[in-house]
């Protein structure tokens, strides 16, 4: 790949290299945009918008609360555990301005999963939606968390609307299980306290860590990818350069249905559209497809990011085709492979080509994107974006000839600094000269387009989320009636893959229902096996290692 065949086919108007000195940090991106687009709406959710100016004020207040009232120092970890709400960017940018490291947490985590992430990150502070406070309560004494900032669904809306929303959520829909968390504070109270004191933003540079973004990684159990301010700035600039030919400053409206705690949505929606002065339409519950489409009808949106399952679900509702697509320009699919049938139907329905992108948590995330001027869905993951080098290596780590498949390796300013407190795991995937081994098997065609052929590792990809067999197997093995277990991914039309477990029984009366019920107690929904197959034994190597590839 040393000849870089994609360069002669590079997207017109996109620089081969980005200027990393444009911003010193993610906080600077935020500050610059808030000054530039003051009165414009930055985020919208459930009928309420926050201007860039007001968002900056709220974030500054929250940053002040963290430093002045909680006495947190630069580099302290602050966990954020909520779905897409107006409170998310307030907590996010406030923490970043204060020099904190943000730990994004999936709000659907089970107690076991939450405990692991909080203990591993060493977070002492968490901002959490009250709907999930009972989960935190069950594990908080096992963690270092000392400060809890609680928020409600309606907290950032007007007083009248806030009271109605919170009453319905708490008392009618019963969506807030009882909890007790000593020394917790409400977000609005924290903002009020922060507003009373002068705030001095932290001095940040490209080497400072901005996020611990937890992932199965390319090997092993869940660990925190250390994404620096430089990594994130680079990827925002890289993605911005790529979409610049069709996206204008200060006038774009992007639909943000993927959760902001996921790296794809965090960078592609929250941060990229922040940098260009766009308006993020936050969808709190995208699984409610009728409600989602009703919300879409209110906006003349120009951009939409998502995963294959979301695009497919929308088009399976007849109302989606009746929306106004006259302003629609960019549809970006990532997180999992986009199926051609879905992409073709999307193009026919909306008139906009579904552009597929590829990335990893470890690369902040974008690595490759199809050209914005694509006339149809290519099935490829695209061309390497600016300032990104790609190699495709065989098992002897030699570059393969063009057209042949091998492991995709990445080098660029968006590649993580490593895994938090895991130098051994970092060494498995990163070389001394900065190359990241992705674990994905890819090829490069004569047009320079990269294509994913297969995955080298055992990771299972469910609706864009990494699921690692080790974690599933550890949970299943806890069941007293299980002797041995192996987990693999199997193809699924809706989610790309789902988890299947092969179980050797310790007790003959073990049932499939028991295994699945046990997993539901300990695993987030998308990790729970959909299939259980009982066997008398499992295939193994001569040293006793279970051969998952044979089970697949």
Protein backbone atom coordinates (compact mmCIF):
# COMPACT_ATOMS: atom_id res chain seq x y z
CA UNK A 1 0.00 0.00 0.00
CA UNK A 2 3.01 2.26 -0.10
CA UNK A 3 1.84 3.71 -3.44
CA UNK A 4 -1.38 4.94 -1.80
CA UNK A 5 -3.65 4.11 -4.75
CA UNK A 6 -6.51 6.14 -3.27
CA UNK A 7 -4.68 9.45 -3.72
CA UNK A 8 -5.40 9.61 -7.43
CA UNK A 9 -9.06 9.05 -6.64
CA UNK A 10 -9.17 11.36 -3.62
CA UNK A 11 -12.32 13.36 -3.07
CA UNK A 12 -12.03 16.75 -4.82
CA UNK A 13 -11.66 19.71 -2.49
CA UNK A 14 -10.44 17.68 0.49
CA UNK A 15 -6.90 18.42 1.74
CA UNK A 16 -4.56 15.47 2.10
CA UNK A 17 -3.41 16.87 5.45
CA UNK A 18 -5.26 18.76 8.17
CA UNK A 19 -3.86 21.67 10.19
CA UNK A 20 -3.81 20.37 13.75
CA UNK A 21 -2.87 23.78 15.13
CA UNK A 22 -6.36 25.09 14.30
CA UNK A 23 -7.53 24.25 17.84
CA UNK A 24 -5.56 23.46 20.99
CA UNK A 25 -8.41 21.43 22.53
CA UNK A 26 -12.01 20.35 22.27
CA UNK A 27 -12.83 23.12 24.75
CA UNK A 28 -11.43 25.65 22.28
CA UNK A 29 -13.67 24.29 19.51
CA UNK A 30 -16.58 24.86 21.88
CA UNK A 31 -15.54 28.37 22.91
CA UNK A 32 -14.87 29.52 19.34
CA UNK A 33 -18.21 28.20 18.06
CA UNK A 34 -20.16 29.71 20.95
CA UNK A 35 -18.67 33.13 20.17
CA UNK A 36 -19.19 32.77 16.45
CA UNK A 37 -22.77 31.49 16.51
CA UNK A 38 -24.04 33.07 19.75
CA UNK A 39 -27.74 33.48 19.03
CA UNK A 40 -28.10 30.37 16.86
CA UNK A 41 -29.65 27.22 18.35
CA UNK A 42 -27.07 24.61 19.30
CA UNK A 43 -29.15 21.71 20.65
CA UNK A 44 -32.86 20.96 20.56
CA UNK A 45 -34.74 18.29 22.52
CA UNK A 46 -38.46 17.71 23.13
CA UNK A 47 -39.50 21.14 21.92
CA UNK A 48 -36.82 23.18 23.70
CA UNK A 49 -33.68 24.72 22.16
CA UNK A 50 -30.52 26.09 23.76
CA UNK A 51 -28.59 28.80 21.94
CA UNK A 52 -24.82 28.64 21.65
CA UNK A 53 -24.57 31.59 24.04
CA UNK A 54 -26.76 29.96 26.69
CA UNK A 55 -25.03 26.62 26.30
CA UNK A 56 -21.69 28.33 26.92
CA UNK A 57 -23.08 29.99 30.04
CA UNK A 58 -24.46 26.71 31.43
CA UNK A 59 -21.24 24.83 30.65
CA UNK A 60 -19.17 27.53 32.32
CA UNK A 61 -21.37 27.31 35.42
CA UNK A 62 -20.97 23.55 35.54
CA UNK A 63 -17.21 23.79 35.07
CA UNK A 64 -17.11 26.30 37.91
CA UNK A 65 -19.09 23.94 40.14
CA UNK A 66 -16.64 21.10 39.47
CA UNK A 67 -13.55 23.16 40.23
CA UNK A 68 -14.77 25.64 42.85
CA UNK A 69 -17.32 23.62 44.79
CA UNK A 70 -16.19 20.02 44.34
CA UNK A 71 -12.51 21.05 44.25
CA UNK A 72 -11.79 18.68 41.38
CA UNK A 73 -8.42 19.08 39.69
CA UNK A 74 -7.40 18.81 36.07
CA UNK A 75 -7.47 15.17 34.96
CA UNK A 76 -10.19 14.08 37.41
CA UNK A 77 -12.61 11.65 35.82
CA UNK A 78 -16.24 12.74 35.49
CA UNK A 79 -18.72 10.09 34.35
CA UNK A 80 -21.82 11.06 32.37
CA UNK A 81 -24.68 8.55 32.33
CA UNK A 82 -27.74 9.66 30.38
CA UNK A 83 -29.47 9.36 27.00
CA UNK A 84 -29.67 12.23 24.51
CA UNK A 85 -30.87 15.21 26.55
CA UNK A 86 -29.97 18.91 26.71
CA UNK A 87 -28.13 18.18 29.94
CA UNK A 88 -25.55 16.05 28.11
CA UNK A 89 -23.71 18.86 26.24
CA UNK A 90 -23.88 21.05 29.36
CA UNK A 91 -22.14 18.41 31.47
CA UNK A 92 -19.81 17.42 28.65
CA UNK A 93 -18.45 20.86 27.77
CA UNK A 94 -18.45 22.04 31.37
CA UNK A 95 -16.26 19.09 32.36
CA UNK A 96 -13.95 19.54 29.37
CA UNK A 97 -13.53 23.29 29.99
CA UNK A 98 -12.57 22.46 33.58
CA UNK A 99 -9.89 20.06 32.33
CA UNK A 100 -11.69 16.91 33.46
CA UNK A 101 -11.58 13.57 31.66
CA UNK A 102 -15.07 12.57 30.53
CA UNK A 103 -16.09 8.94 31.01
CA UNK A 104 -19.12 8.23 28.85
CA UNK A 105 -21.41 5.59 30.37
CA UNK A 106 -24.20 3.67 28.68
CA UNK A 107 -27.29 4.38 30.85
CA UNK A 108 -28.63 0.89 30.19
CA UNK A 109 -25.68 -0.77 31.91
CA UNK A 110 -26.39 -3.39 34.53
CA UNK A 111 -24.90 -2.88 38.00
CA UNK A 112 -22.02 -5.22 37.16
CA UNK A 113 -21.13 -3.30 33.99
CA UNK A 114 -21.43 0.09 35.69
CA UNK A 115 -19.28 -1.01 38.61
CA UNK A 116 -16.53 -2.18 36.26
CA UNK A 117 -16.42 1.08 34.36
CA UNK A 118 -16.50 3.33 37.44
CA UNK A 119 -13.86 1.27 39.27
CA UNK A 120 -11.61 0.97 36.23
CA UNK A 121 -11.76 4.68 35.40
CA UNK A 122 -11.45 5.80 39.01
CA UNK A 123 -14.26 8.31 38.49
CA UNK A 124 -15.09 10.31 41.63
CA UNK A 125 -17.98 12.26 40.09
CA UNK A 126 -20.97 11.19 38.04
CA UNK A 127 -23.75 13.11 36.31
CA UNK A 128 -26.68 10.74 36.01
CA UNK A 129 -30.32 10.76 34.92
CA UNK A 130 -32.49 9.89 37.91
CA UNK A 131 -34.13 7.06 35.94
CA UNK A 132 -30.89 5.09 36.39
CA UNK A 133 -29.95 6.24 39.88
CA UNK A 134 -31.08 2.93 41.41
CA UNK A 135 -28.40 1.15 39.38
CA UNK A 136 -25.75 3.50 40.74
CA UNK A 137 -27.07 3.07 44.27
CA UNK A 138 -26.46 -0.68 44.10
CA UNK A 139 -22.74 -0.29 43.32
CA UNK A 140 -21.62 3.14 44.50
CA UNK A 141 -20.05 1.87 47.74
CA UNK A 142 -17.76 -0.37 45.68
CA UNK A 143 -16.45 2.59 43.66
CA UNK A 144 -14.58 5.83 44.31
CA UNK A 145 -17.60 7.97 43.42
CA UNK A 146 -18.06 10.73 46.00
CA UNK A 147 -20.09 13.29 44.07
CA UNK A 148 -23.43 12.57 42.36
CA UNK A 149 -25.16 15.16 40.19
CA UNK A 150 -28.74 14.10 39.48
CA UNK A 151 -30.90 15.30 36.64
CA UNK A 152 -34.42 14.60 35.41
CA UNK A 153 -35.88 14.31 31.92
CA UNK A 154 -37.47 17.74 32.16
CA UNK A 155 -34.76 19.63 34.02
CA UNK A 156 -33.57 21.98 31.27
CA UNK A 157 -37.06 22.89 30.03
CA UNK A 158 -39.23 25.78 31.21
CA UNK A 159 -40.63 25.46 34.72
CA UNK A 160 -44.14 24.63 33.48
CA UNK A 161 -42.97 22.03 30.99
CA UNK A 162 -40.41 20.63 33.42
CA UNK A 163 -43.07 20.01 36.05
CA UNK A 164 -45.37 18.26 33.60
CA UNK A 165 -42.64 16.10 32.07
CA UNK A 166 -41.20 15.03 35.40
CA UNK A 167 -44.63 14.34 36.91
CA UNK A 168 -45.58 12.08 34.02
CA UNK A 169 -42.21 10.30 33.95
CA UNK A 170 -42.16 9.73 37.71
CA UNK A 171 -45.79 9.18 38.60
CA UNK A 172 -47.69 8.11 35.50
CA UNK A 173 -45.15 6.10 33.52
CA UNK A 174 -43.31 5.01 36.70
CA UNK A 175 -39.94 5.27 34.92
CA UNK A 176 -37.92 6.32 37.97
CA UNK A 177 -37.39 3.39 40.36
CA UNK A 178 -36.93 4.36 44.02
CA UNK A 179 -33.37 5.20 45.05
CA UNK A 180 -31.36 6.75 47.86
CA UNK A 181 -28.09 8.51 47.11
CA UNK A 182 -26.58 10.46 49.97
CA UNK A 183 -24.99 13.84 49.23
CA UNK A 184 -26.38 14.02 45.71
CA UNK A 185 -27.24 17.39 44.17
CA UNK A 186 -29.60 18.40 41.39
CA UNK A 187 -28.00 19.74 38.20
CA UNK A 188 -29.82 23.09 38.37
CA UNK A 189 -28.59 23.58 41.94
CA UNK A 190 -25.04 22.74 40.82
CA UNK A 191 -25.32 25.31 38.03
CA UNK A 192 -26.57 27.94 40.47
CA UNK A 193 -23.68 27.27 42.82
CA UNK A 194 -21.18 27.43 39.97
CA UNK A 195 -22.60 30.74 38.73
CA UNK A 196 -21.71 32.44 42.04
CA UNK A 197 -17.96 32.00 41.60
CA UNK A 198 -15.39 33.03 39.05
CA UNK A 199 -14.33 30.23 36.76
CA UNK A 200 -10.83 29.83 35.36
CA UNK A 201 -10.85 27.32 32.47
CA UNK A 202 -8.07 24.75 32.44
CA UNK A 203 -5.10 25.23 30.15
CA UNK A 204 -5.29 22.33 27.72
CA UNK A 205 -3.18 21.01 24.87
CA UNK A 206 -3.27 18.14 22.42
CA UNK A 207 -1.60 15.72 24.85
CA UNK A 208 -4.24 16.09 27.58
CA UNK A 209 -6.78 13.26 27.78
CA UNK A 210 -10.33 14.34 26.93
CA UNK A 211 -12.22 11.02 27.10
CA UNK A 212 -11.99 7.54 28.46
CA UNK A 213 -14.18 5.89 25.88
CA UNK A 214 -14.92 2.33 26.95
CA UNK A 215 -14.89 -0.44 24.39
CA UNK A 216 -14.17 -4.10 23.98
CA UNK A 217 -11.29 -2.82 21.90
CA UNK A 218 -9.71 -5.09 19.35
CA UNK A 219 -8.91 -7.64 22.07
CA UNK A 220 -10.12 -8.56 25.55
CA UNK A 221 -12.63 -7.12 28.00
CA UNK A 222 -14.03 -3.61 28.25
CA UNK A 223 -11.31 -1.00 28.69
CA UNK A 224 -10.97 2.74 28.36
CA UNK A 225 -9.48 4.07 25.15
CA UNK A 226 -7.56 7.23 26.06
CA UNK A 227 -8.68 9.81 23.49
CA UNK A 228 -6.70 13.01 23.84
CA UNK A 229 -7.82 16.50 22.94
CA UNK A 230 -5.45 16.20 19.98
CA UNK A 231 -7.11 12.95 18.84
CA UNK A 232 -10.59 14.47 18.94
CA UNK A 233 -9.56 17.81 17.41
CA UNK A 234 -7.91 15.87 14.59
CA UNK A 235 -10.98 13.78 13.87
CA UNK A 236 -13.31 16.78 13.96
CA UNK A 237 -11.04 18.54 11.45
CA UNK A 238 -10.73 15.38 9.34
CA UNK A 239 -14.49 14.79 9.22
CA UNK A 240 -15.10 18.50 8.69
CA UNK A 241 -12.77 18.59 5.69
CA UNK A 242 -14.54 15.56 4.24
CA UNK A 243 -18.10 16.93 4.50
CA UNK A 244 -17.15 20.55 3.71
CA UNK A 245 -18.11 20.30 0.01
CA UNK A 246 -21.78 19.86 0.94
CA UNK A 247 -22.07 21.19 4.51
CA UNK A 248 -22.13 24.95 5.17
CA UNK A 249 -21.31 26.89 8.33
CA UNK A 250 -24.12 27.98 10.62
CA UNK A 251 -27.08 26.58 8.72
CA UNK A 252 -27.11 22.78 9.02
CA UNK A 253 -29.59 20.75 11.06
CA UNK A 254 -28.46 17.25 12.01
CA UNK A 255 -30.64 14.49 13.40
CA UNK A 256 -28.91 12.92 16.41
CA UNK A 257 -30.64 9.67 17.18
CA UNK A 258 -27.57 7.65 18.08
CA UNK A 259 -26.64 8.15 21.75
CA UNK A 260 -24.05 10.86 22.37
CA UNK A 261 -22.17 8.54 24.74
CA UNK A 262 -21.26 6.47 21.64
CA UNK A 263 -18.10 7.66 19.90
CA UNK A 264 -19.73 7.84 16.44
CA UNK A 265 -22.45 10.23 17.58
CA UNK A 266 -20.12 12.10 19.95
CA UNK A 267 -17.71 13.10 17.18
CA UNK A 268 -19.84 13.06 14.02
CA UNK A 269 -22.83 14.86 15.53
CA UNK A 270 -22.05 16.65 18.77
CA UNK A 271 -18.54 17.89 18.00
CA UNK A 272 -18.45 18.18 14.21
CA UNK A 273 -21.71 20.12 14.02
CA UNK A 274 -20.65 22.19 17.00
CA UNK A 275 -17.56 23.20 15.01
CA UNK A 276 -19.65 24.32 12.00
CA UNK A 277 -22.41 25.99 14.01
CA UNK A 278 -25.06 23.37 13.30
CA UNK A 279 -28.20 22.53 15.23
CA UNK A 280 -28.39 19.07 16.83
CA UNK A 281 -31.88 17.60 17.08
CA UNK A 282 -31.55 15.23 20.02
CA UNK A 283 -33.74 12.14 19.87
CA UNK A 284 -34.02 10.68 23.35
CA UNK A 285 -35.81 7.45 22.39
CA UNK A 286 -35.17 6.47 18.75
CA UNK A 287 -36.75 3.06 19.32
CA UNK A 288 -40.14 4.76 19.33
CA UNK A 289 -40.26 4.91 15.54
CA UNK A 290 -43.70 6.58 15.22
CA UNK A 291 -42.65 9.23 17.75
CA UNK A 292 -39.29 9.62 16.02
CA UNK A 293 -40.94 10.24 12.64
CA UNK A 294 -43.35 12.70 14.23
CA UNK A 295 -40.32 14.64 15.52
CA UNK A 296 -38.58 14.48 12.12
CA UNK A 297 -41.65 16.10 10.55
CA UNK A 298 -40.98 19.28 12.57
CA UNK A 299 -37.53 19.94 11.11
CA UNK A 300 -36.09 20.63 7.66
CA UNK A 301 -33.03 18.58 8.48
CA UNK A 302 -29.98 18.51 6.25
CA UNK A 303 -27.93 15.70 7.83
CA UNK A 304 -28.69 12.36 9.43
CA UNK A 305 -26.28 9.86 10.96
CA UNK A 306 -27.23 6.37 11.99
CA UNK A 307 -26.64 2.66 11.78
CA UNK A 308 -28.13 0.11 9.42
CA UNK A 309 -30.80 -1.06 11.86
CA UNK A 310 -32.07 2.48 12.43
CA UNK A 311 -32.28 3.30 8.72
CA UNK A 312 -34.11 0.02 8.12
CA UNK A 313 -36.57 0.56 10.98
CA UNK A 314 -37.50 4.04 9.72
CA UNK A 315 -38.16 2.86 6.19
CA UNK A 316 -40.35 0.02 7.44
CA UNK A 317 -42.78 2.68 8.66
CA UNK A 318 -44.88 4.05 5.80
CA UNK A 319 -44.96 7.55 7.34
CA UNK A 320 -41.21 8.02 6.83
CA UNK A 321 -41.58 8.33 3.05
CA UNK A 322 -44.00 11.25 3.50
CA UNK A 323 -41.40 13.50 5.19
CA UNK A 324 -39.97 16.64 3.60
CA UNK A 325 -36.49 15.76 2.28
CA UNK A 326 -36.01 18.98 0.31
CA UNK A 327 -33.15 20.20 2.57
CA UNK A 328 -31.62 16.77 3.13
CA UNK A 329 -28.00 16.49 1.89
CA UNK A 330 -26.00 14.06 4.02
CA UNK A 331 -26.82 10.56 5.25
CA UNK A 332 -23.90 8.93 7.02
CA UNK A 333 -23.93 5.30 8.12
CA UNK A 334 -21.40 3.76 10.50
CA UNK A 335 -21.07 1.64 13.62
CA UNK A 336 -21.85 -1.52 11.66
CA UNK A 337 -21.95 -2.56 8.00
CA UNK A 338 -24.69 -0.92 5.95
CA UNK A 339 -26.60 -3.48 3.90
CA UNK A 340 -26.99 -2.75 0.20
CA UNK A 341 -30.72 -3.44 0.21
CA UNK A 342 -31.19 -0.88 2.99
CA UNK A 343 -28.95 1.68 1.29
CA UNK A 344 -30.72 1.31 -2.06
CA UNK A 345 -34.15 1.69 -0.47
CA UNK A 346 -32.94 4.72 1.51
CA UNK A 347 -31.69 6.39 -1.69
CA UNK A 348 -34.97 5.68 -3.47
CA UNK A 349 -37.05 6.99 -0.54
CA UNK A 350 -35.08 10.13 0.36
CA UNK A 351 -33.18 10.94 -2.82
CA UNK A 352 -29.93 11.02 -0.80
CA UNK A 353 -27.16 8.43 -1.14
CA UNK A 354 -26.38 6.64 2.12
CA UNK A 355 -22.64 7.25 2.61
CA UNK A 356 -20.88 4.50 4.52
CA UNK A 357 -18.03 5.31 6.91
CA UNK A 358 -15.68 3.19 8.98
CA UNK A 359 -14.08 3.82 12.31
CA UNK A 360 -13.18 2.51 15.73
CA UNK A 361 -13.42 3.81 19.25
CA UNK A 362 -9.63 3.72 19.23
CA UNK A 363 -9.52 6.14 16.26
CA UNK A 364 -11.91 8.79 17.62
CA UNK A 365 -13.59 7.18 15.46
CA UNK A 366 -13.33 8.04 11.73
CA UNK A 367 -10.77 6.27 9.54
CA UNK A 368 -12.40 6.07 6.11
CA UNK A 369 -15.46 7.64 4.50
CA UNK A 370 -16.93 7.26 1.03
CA UNK A 371 -16.73 10.39 -1.14
CA UNK A 372 -19.55 12.88 -0.65
CA UNK A 373 -20.10 12.95 -4.43
CA UNK A 374 -20.88 9.21 -4.61
CA UNK A 375 -23.78 8.62 -6.98
CA UNK A 376 -24.73 5.29 -5.42
CA UNK A 377 -23.93 2.97 -2.52
CA UNK A 378 -20.56 1.30 -3.10
CA UNK A 379 -20.50 -1.33 -0.36
CA UNK A 380 -16.98 -0.12 0.47
CA UNK A 381 -15.99 1.67 3.68
CA UNK A 382 -14.49 4.45 1.57
CA UNK A 383 -11.17 6.25 1.25
CA UNK A 384 -8.81 7.06 4.12
CA UNK A 385 -9.58 10.55 5.41
CA UNK A 386 -7.03 13.38 5.58
CA UNK A 387 -3.74 12.77 7.44
CA UNK A 388 -4.52 9.05 7.71
CA UNK A 389 -2.15 6.30 6.59
CA UNK A 390 -3.38 2.79 5.93
CA UNK A 391 -1.56 -0.51 5.55
CA UNK A 392 -2.98 -3.96 4.83
CA UNK A 393 -0.76 -6.70 6.23
CA UNK A 394 -0.63 -10.49 5.97
CA UNK A 395 0.02 -12.83 8.92
CA UNK A 396 3.75 -12.18 8.58
CA UNK A 397 3.05 -8.43 8.82
CA UNK A 398 4.08 -7.84 5.22
CA UNK A 399 2.03 -5.53 3.00
CA UNK A 400 -0.22 -7.45 0.64
CA UNK A 401 -0.57 -6.66 -3.09
CA UNK A 402 -3.47 -4.45 -4.12
CA UNK A 403 -6.72 -6.38 -4.17
CA UNK A 404 -5.62 -9.00 -1.65
CA UNK A 405 -6.99 -9.15 1.87
CA UNK A 406 -5.09 -8.67 5.12
CA UNK A 407 -5.34 -6.96 8.50
CA UNK A 408 -6.15 -3.27 8.27
CA UNK A 409 -3.67 -1.10 10.18
CA UNK A 410 -4.10 2.64 10.79
CA UNK A 411 -1.78 5.51 11.61
CA UNK A 412 -2.88 9.10 12.07
CA UNK A 413 -3.43 11.89 14.61
CA UNK A 414 -6.81 10.43 15.57
CA UNK A 415 -5.32 7.16 16.90
CA UNK A 416 -5.71 6.83 20.68
CA UNK A 417 -2.92 7.27 23.19
CA UNK A 418 -3.56 3.73 24.45
CA UNK A 419 -5.81 1.90 26.90
CA UNK A 420 -6.22 3.39 30.38
CA UNK A 421 -3.91 1.63 32.87
CA UNK A 422 -3.43 -1.29 30.45
CA UNK A 423 0.00 -1.06 28.81
CA UNK A 424 -0.06 -4.79 28.06
CA UNK A 425 -3.32 -4.50 26.12
CA UNK A 426 -2.06 -1.37 24.38
CA UNK A 427 1.06 -3.23 23.24
CA UNK A 428 -1.09 -5.92 21.64
CA UNK A 429 -2.72 -3.47 19.23
CA UNK A 430 -0.25 -0.59 18.82
CA UNK A 431 3.23 -0.66 17.35
CA UNK A 432 6.14 1.46 18.52
CA UNK A 433 5.85 3.68 15.46
CA UNK A 434 2.17 4.44 16.00
CA UNK A 435 0.29 1.89 13.89
CA UNK A 436 -3.00 0.55 15.27
CA UNK A 437 -3.90 -3.04 14.38
CA UNK A 438 -7.66 -2.97 13.87
CA UNK A 439 -8.37 -6.70 13.85
CA UNK A 440 -10.44 -6.16 10.69
CA UNK A 441 -9.59 -7.94 7.45
CA UNK A 442 -9.75 -5.53 4.51
CA UNK A 443 -8.75 -5.12 0.89
CA UNK A 444 -8.19 -2.12 -1.38
CA UNK A 445 -9.61 -2.13 -4.91
CA UNK A 446 -8.29 -0.43 -8.03
CA UNK A 447 -10.29 2.71 -7.23
CA UNK A 448 -8.53 3.00 -3.89
CA UNK A 449 -11.69 2.11 -1.96
CA UNK A 450 -11.23 0.05 1.18
CA UNK A 451 -13.52 -2.91 1.79
CA UNK A 452 -13.99 -4.92 4.97
CA UNK A 453 -13.83 -8.62 4.22
CA UNK A 454 -14.05 -10.15 7.68
CA UNK A 455 -12.95 -9.72 11.27
CA UNK A 456 -9.76 -11.29 12.50
CA UNK A 457 -10.75 -11.17 16.13
CA UNK A 458 -13.69 -12.68 17.97
CA UNK A 459 -15.54 -9.44 18.64
CA UNK A 460 -19.29 -9.51 17.98
CA UNK A 461 -20.84 -6.36 16.52
CA UNK A 462 -24.49 -5.91 17.59
CA UNK A 463 -26.20 -2.82 16.15
CA UNK A 464 -22.92 -0.94 16.14
CA UNK A 465 -21.89 -1.91 19.68
CA UNK A 466 -18.86 -4.07 20.43
CA UNK A 467 -19.64 -7.26 22.34
CA UNK A 468 -16.77 -9.44 23.49
CA UNK A 469 -17.22 -13.20 23.89
CA UNK A 470 -15.03 -13.21 27.02
CA UNK A 471 -17.53 -11.05 28.89
CA UNK A 472 -20.53 -13.12 27.82
CA UNK A 473 -18.76 -16.36 28.70
CA UNK A 474 -17.73 -15.05 32.12
CA UNK A 475 -21.34 -14.23 32.93
CA UNK A 476 -22.80 -17.52 31.66
CA UNK A 477 -20.12 -19.49 33.49
CA UNK A 478 -21.31 -17.99 36.78
CA UNK A 479 -24.47 -20.12 36.50
CA UNK A 480 -24.13 -23.12 38.77
CA UNK A 481 -25.60 -25.50 36.17
CA UNK A 482 -23.08 -24.53 33.44
CA UNK A 483 -19.92 -26.56 32.93
CA UNK A 484 -18.47 -24.89 29.82
CA UNK A 485 -19.55 -22.10 27.51
CA UNK A 486 -18.46 -20.39 24.32
CA UNK A 487 -20.00 -17.27 22.74
CA UNK A 488 -19.98 -16.32 19.07
CA UNK A 489 -21.74 -13.89 16.79
CA UNK A 490 -24.27 -15.09 14.23
CA UNK A 491 -25.67 -13.09 11.35
CA UNK A 492 -28.90 -11.21 11.93
CA UNK A 493 -30.82 -9.16 9.38
CA UNK A 494 -31.92 -6.56 11.91
CA UNK A 495 -28.80 -5.96 14.03
CA UNK A 496 -25.99 -7.28 11.85
CA UNK A 497 -25.07 -9.89 14.43
CA UNK A 498 -26.51 -11.31 17.63
CA UNK A 499 -24.93 -13.37 20.38
CA UNK A 500 -25.21 -17.14 20.43
CA UNK A 501 -23.82 -19.27 23.25
CA UNK A 502 -22.86 -22.93 23.18
CA UNK A 503 -23.24 -24.52 26.60
CA UNK A 504 -22.11 -27.79 28.12
CA UNK A 505 -24.43 -28.58 31.04
CA UNK A 506 -23.26 -29.34 34.55
CA UNK A 507 -26.81 -30.31 35.46
CA UNK A 508 -29.14 -31.87 32.90
CA UNK A 509 -32.19 -29.83 33.93
CA UNK A 510 -30.63 -26.54 32.72
CA UNK A 511 -32.88 -24.83 30.16
CA UNK A 512 -32.37 -22.18 27.48
CA UNK A 513 -34.75 -19.89 29.37
CA UNK A 514 -32.64 -20.16 32.53
CA UNK A 515 -29.46 -19.19 30.68
CA UNK A 516 -31.07 -16.16 29.03
CA UNK A 517 -32.75 -15.01 32.26
CA UNK A 518 -29.41 -15.28 34.06
CA UNK A 519 -27.73 -13.17 31.37
CA UNK A 520 -30.43 -10.50 31.57
CA UNK A 521 -29.53 -9.95 35.22
CA UNK A 522 -25.90 -9.19 34.41
CA UNK A 523 -25.73 -7.85 30.85
CA UNK A 524 -27.07 -4.92 28.87
CA UNK A 525 -29.85 -5.98 26.50
CA UNK A 526 -27.81 -6.04 23.30
CA UNK A 527 -25.26 -8.39 24.93
CA UNK A 528 -27.85 -10.96 26.04
CA UNK A 529 -27.66 -14.14 23.93
CA UNK A 530 -30.51 -14.62 21.48
CA UNK A 531 -29.69 -18.28 20.96
CA UNK A 532 -28.53 -21.05 23.30
CA UNK A 533 -27.32 -24.37 21.96
CA UNK A 534 -26.51 -27.24 24.32
CA UNK A 535 -23.65 -29.60 23.43
CA UNK A 536 -21.95 -32.56 25.04
CA UNK A 537 -18.55 -30.93 24.49
CA UNK A 538 -16.90 -27.95 22.79
CA UNK A 539 -14.16 -28.07 20.12
CA UNK A 540 -10.72 -27.30 21.57
CA UNK A 541 -7.10 -26.93 20.57
CA UNK A 542 -4.53 -29.44 21.78
CA UNK A 543 -3.85 -27.19 24.76
CA UNK A 544 -7.54 -26.97 25.64
CA UNK A 545 -8.47 -23.55 24.20
CA UNK A 546 -12.03 -23.46 22.88
CA UNK A 547 -12.15 -23.00 19.11
CA UNK A 548 -14.78 -20.34 18.57
CA UNK A 549 -14.08 -20.26 14.84
CA UNK A 550 -15.29 -23.87 14.51
CA UNK A 551 -18.48 -23.02 16.36
CA UNK A 552 -19.05 -20.06 14.04
